[in-house]
Amino acid sequence: MSCWDCKHFDIKTHSCPAFDGAIPITIAAGDVPHDKVLPKQKGTYVFTRDPRPMKERLRAAGYEI
């Protein structure tokens, strides 16, 4: 489970709408799964796999590949 594979992860800003500022390092490193709503997070965002290939996601974010 990686933030990069989640549909909520913003590839350009490396951020998640569940957290103000940075994604907690324990989640970003994969030590703590984000498959349940956590205390102090915003909203009900949890890991949801983005089915699109990474190249498609990068193009959608404005990167040229």
N, C-alpha and C. Protein backbone atom coordinates (compact mmCIF):
# COMPACT_ATOMS: atom_id res chain seq x y z
N MET A 1 0.86 -1.16 0.00
CA MET A 1 0.00 0.00 0.00
C MET A 1 0.91 1.23 0.00
N SER A 2 0.86 1.98 -1.06
CA SER A 2 1.72 3.15 -1.21
C SER A 2 0.87 4.37 -1.53
N CYS A 3 1.23 5.50 -0.96
CA CYS A 3 0.51 6.74 -1.28
C CYS A 3 0.45 6.96 -2.79
N TRP A 4 1.54 6.62 -3.48
CA TRP A 4 1.61 6.83 -4.92
C TRP A 4 0.55 6.04 -5.67
N ASP A 5 0.07 4.97 -5.08
CA ASP A 5 -0.94 4.13 -5.73
C ASP A 5 -2.37 4.52 -5.36
N CYS A 6 -2.53 5.50 -4.50
CA CYS A 6 -3.85 5.90 -4.02
C CYS A 6 -4.47 6.98 -4.91
N LYS A 7 -5.77 6.87 -5.14
CA LYS A 7 -6.44 7.85 -6.00
C LYS A 7 -6.54 9.23 -5.34
N HIS A 8 -6.36 9.32 -4.04
CA HIS A 8 -6.45 10.60 -3.34
C HIS A 8 -5.12 11.36 -3.32
N PHE A 9 -4.04 10.67 -3.61
CA PHE A 9 -2.70 11.27 -3.55
C PHE A 9 -2.51 12.27 -4.69
N ASP A 10 -2.06 13.46 -4.35
CA ASP A 10 -1.78 14.49 -5.35
C ASP A 10 -0.32 14.36 -5.76
N ILE A 11 -0.11 13.89 -6.98
CA ILE A 11 1.25 13.64 -7.47
C ILE A 11 2.08 14.92 -7.53
N LYS A 12 1.47 16.03 -7.89
CA LYS A 12 2.22 17.28 -8.03
C LYS A 12 2.70 17.83 -6.68
N THR A 13 1.85 17.76 -5.67
CA THR A 13 2.20 18.35 -4.38
C THR A 13 2.63 17.31 -3.34
N HIS A 14 2.56 16.05 -3.71
CA HIS A 14 2.89 14.94 -2.80
C HIS A 14 2.08 15.07 -1.51
N SER A 15 0.79 15.33 -1.67
CA SER A 15 -0.06 15.54 -0.51
C SER A 15 -1.31 14.68 -0.59
N CYS A 16 -2.01 14.65 0.52
CA CYS A 16 -3.24 13.89 0.64
C CYS A 16 -4.27 14.77 1.32
N PRO A 17 -5.51 14.78 0.84
CA PRO A 17 -6.52 15.63 1.46
C PRO A 17 -6.89 15.20 2.88
N ALA A 18 -6.44 14.04 3.31
CA ALA A 18 -6.73 13.58 4.67
C ALA A 18 -5.86 14.28 5.72
N PHE A 19 -4.78 14.91 5.28
CA PHE A 19 -3.82 15.47 6.24
C PHE A 19 -3.47 16.91 5.89
N ASP A 20 -3.44 17.75 6.92
CA ASP A 20 -2.94 19.12 6.76
C ASP A 20 -1.43 19.04 6.64
N GLY A 21 -0.87 19.69 5.65
CA GLY A 21 0.58 19.65 5.49
C GLY A 21 1.04 18.29 4.99
N ALA A 22 2.12 17.81 5.57
CA ALA A 22 2.73 16.57 5.10
C ALA A 22 1.97 15.33 5.55
N ILE A 23 2.05 14.30 4.73
CA ILE A 23 1.52 12.99 5.11
C ILE A 23 2.42 12.46 6.23
N PRO A 24 1.84 11.96 7.32
CA PRO A 24 2.69 11.44 8.40
C PRO A 24 3.69 10.41 7.87
N ILE A 25 4.91 10.50 8.33
CA ILE A 25 5.99 9.65 7.81
C ILE A 25 5.68 8.17 7.99
N THR A 26 5.00 7.80 9.06
CA THR A 26 4.69 6.38 9.28
C THR A 26 3.74 5.85 8.20
N ILE A 27 2.89 6.71 7.68
CA ILE A 27 1.99 6.31 6.60
C ILE A 27 2.72 6.36 5.27
N ALA A 28 3.45 7.44 5.02
CA ALA A 28 4.18 7.58 3.76
C ALA A 28 5.20 6.46 3.58
N ALA A 29 5.81 6.01 4.67
CA ALA A 29 6.81 4.95 4.61
C ALA A 29 6.19 3.56 4.52
N GLY A 30 4.87 3.49 4.72
CA GLY A 30 4.19 2.21 4.65
C GLY A 30 4.20 1.43 5.94
N ASP A 31 4.67 2.04 7.04
CA ASP A 31 4.70 1.35 8.33
C ASP A 31 3.31 1.22 8.94
N VAL A 32 2.45 2.21 8.67
CA VAL A 32 1.07 2.21 9.16
C VAL A 32 0.15 2.27 7.96
N PRO A 33 -0.70 1.26 7.77
CA PRO A 33 -1.62 1.29 6.63
C PRO A 33 -2.69 2.36 6.85
N HIS A 34 -3.10 2.98 5.77
CA HIS A 34 -4.16 4.00 5.87
C HIS A 34 -5.43 3.43 5.23
N ASP A 35 -5.86 2.29 5.76
CA ASP A 35 -7.05 1.63 5.25
C ASP A 35 -8.28 1.86 6.12
N LYS A 36 -8.08 2.64 7.19
CA LYS A 36 -9.17 3.04 8.08
C LYS A 36 -9.00 4.51 8.40
N VAL A 37 -10.10 5.18 8.70
CA VAL A 37 -10.02 6.59 9.09
C VAL A 37 -9.23 6.66 10.40
N LEU A 38 -8.26 7.58 10.42
CA LEU A 38 -7.39 7.73 11.58
C LEU A 38 -7.76 8.94 12.41
N PRO A 39 -7.48 8.91 13.71
CA PRO A 39 -7.73 10.09 14.54
C PRO A 39 -6.97 11.29 13.99
N LYS A 40 -7.56 12.41 14.04
CA LYS A 40 -6.97 13.70 13.64
C LYS A 40 -6.81 13.89 12.14
N GLN A 41 -7.26 12.96 11.31
CA GLN A 41 -7.22 13.20 9.88
C GLN A 41 -8.45 13.98 9.48
N LYS A 42 -8.43 14.55 8.28
CA LYS A 42 -9.58 15.29 7.75
C LYS A 42 -10.44 14.35 6.92
N GLY A 43 -11.74 14.48 7.05
CA GLY A 43 -12.65 13.71 6.22
C GLY A 43 -12.57 12.21 6.46
N THR A 44 -13.06 11.47 5.49
CA THR A 44 -13.09 10.02 5.61
C THR A 44 -12.21 9.36 4.54
N TYR A 45 -11.22 10.10 4.05
CA TYR A 45 -10.32 9.56 3.03
C TYR A 45 -9.52 8.38 3.59
N VAL A 46 -9.47 7.30 2.85
CA VAL A 46 -8.60 6.17 3.17
C VAL A 46 -7.99 5.69 1.85
N PHE A 47 -6.99 4.84 1.96
CA PHE A 47 -6.34 4.33 0.75
C PHE A 47 -7.37 3.68 -0.16
N THR A 48 -7.39 4.16 -1.40
CA THR A 48 -8.23 3.58 -2.45
C THR A 48 -7.36 3.50 -3.69
N ARG A 49 -7.08 2.29 -4.13
CA ARG A 49 -6.17 2.10 -5.27
C ARG A 49 -6.70 2.82 -6.50
N ASP A 50 -5.83 3.58 -7.15
CA ASP A 50 -6.15 4.24 -8.42
C ASP A 50 -5.90 3.21 -9.52
N PRO A 51 -6.93 2.88 -10.30
CA PRO A 51 -6.76 1.82 -11.30
C PRO A 51 -5.97 2.25 -12.55
N ARG A 52 -5.74 3.56 -12.70
CA ARG A 52 -5.05 4.05 -13.90
C ARG A 52 -3.57 3.72 -13.85
N PRO A 53 -2.98 3.41 -15.00
CA PRO A 53 -1.53 3.22 -15.05
C PRO A 53 -0.81 4.51 -14.63
N MET A 54 0.38 4.38 -14.06
CA MET A 54 1.12 5.54 -13.57
C MET A 54 1.35 6.57 -14.67
N LYS A 55 1.67 6.14 -15.89
CA LYS A 55 1.89 7.11 -16.97
C LYS A 55 0.65 7.96 -17.20
N GLU A 56 -0.51 7.36 -17.15
CA GLU A 56 -1.76 8.11 -17.34
C GLU A 56 -1.97 9.08 -16.19
N ARG A 57 -1.68 8.67 -14.98
CA ARG A 57 -1.83 9.56 -13.82
C ARG A 57 -0.86 10.73 -13.90
N LEU A 58 0.37 10.47 -14.33
CA LEU A 58 1.34 11.55 -14.46
C LEU A 58 0.94 12.55 -15.55
N ARG A 59 0.45 12.04 -16.67
CA ARG A 59 -0.02 12.94 -17.73
C ARG A 59 -1.19 13.79 -17.22
N ALA A 60 -2.11 13.18 -16.49
CA ALA A 60 -3.26 13.91 -15.95
C ALA A 60 -2.83 15.02 -14.99
N ALA A 61 -1.68 14.80 -14.33
CA ALA A 61 -1.16 15.80 -13.39
C ALA A 61 -0.33 16.88 -14.11
N GLY A 62 -0.19 16.74 -15.45
CA GLY A 62 0.50 17.77 -16.21
C GLY A 62 1.93 17.46 -16.56
N TYR A 63 2.40 16.27 -16.23
CA TYR A 63 3.78 15.90 -16.57
C TYR A 63 3.83 15.41 -18.02
N GLU A 64 4.91 15.74 -18.70
CA GLU A 64 5.12 15.24 -20.06
C GLU A 64 5.95 13.97 -19.96
N ILE A 65 5.47 12.95 -20.62
CA ILE A 65 6.17 11.67 -20.57
C ILE A 65 6.54 11.25 -21.97
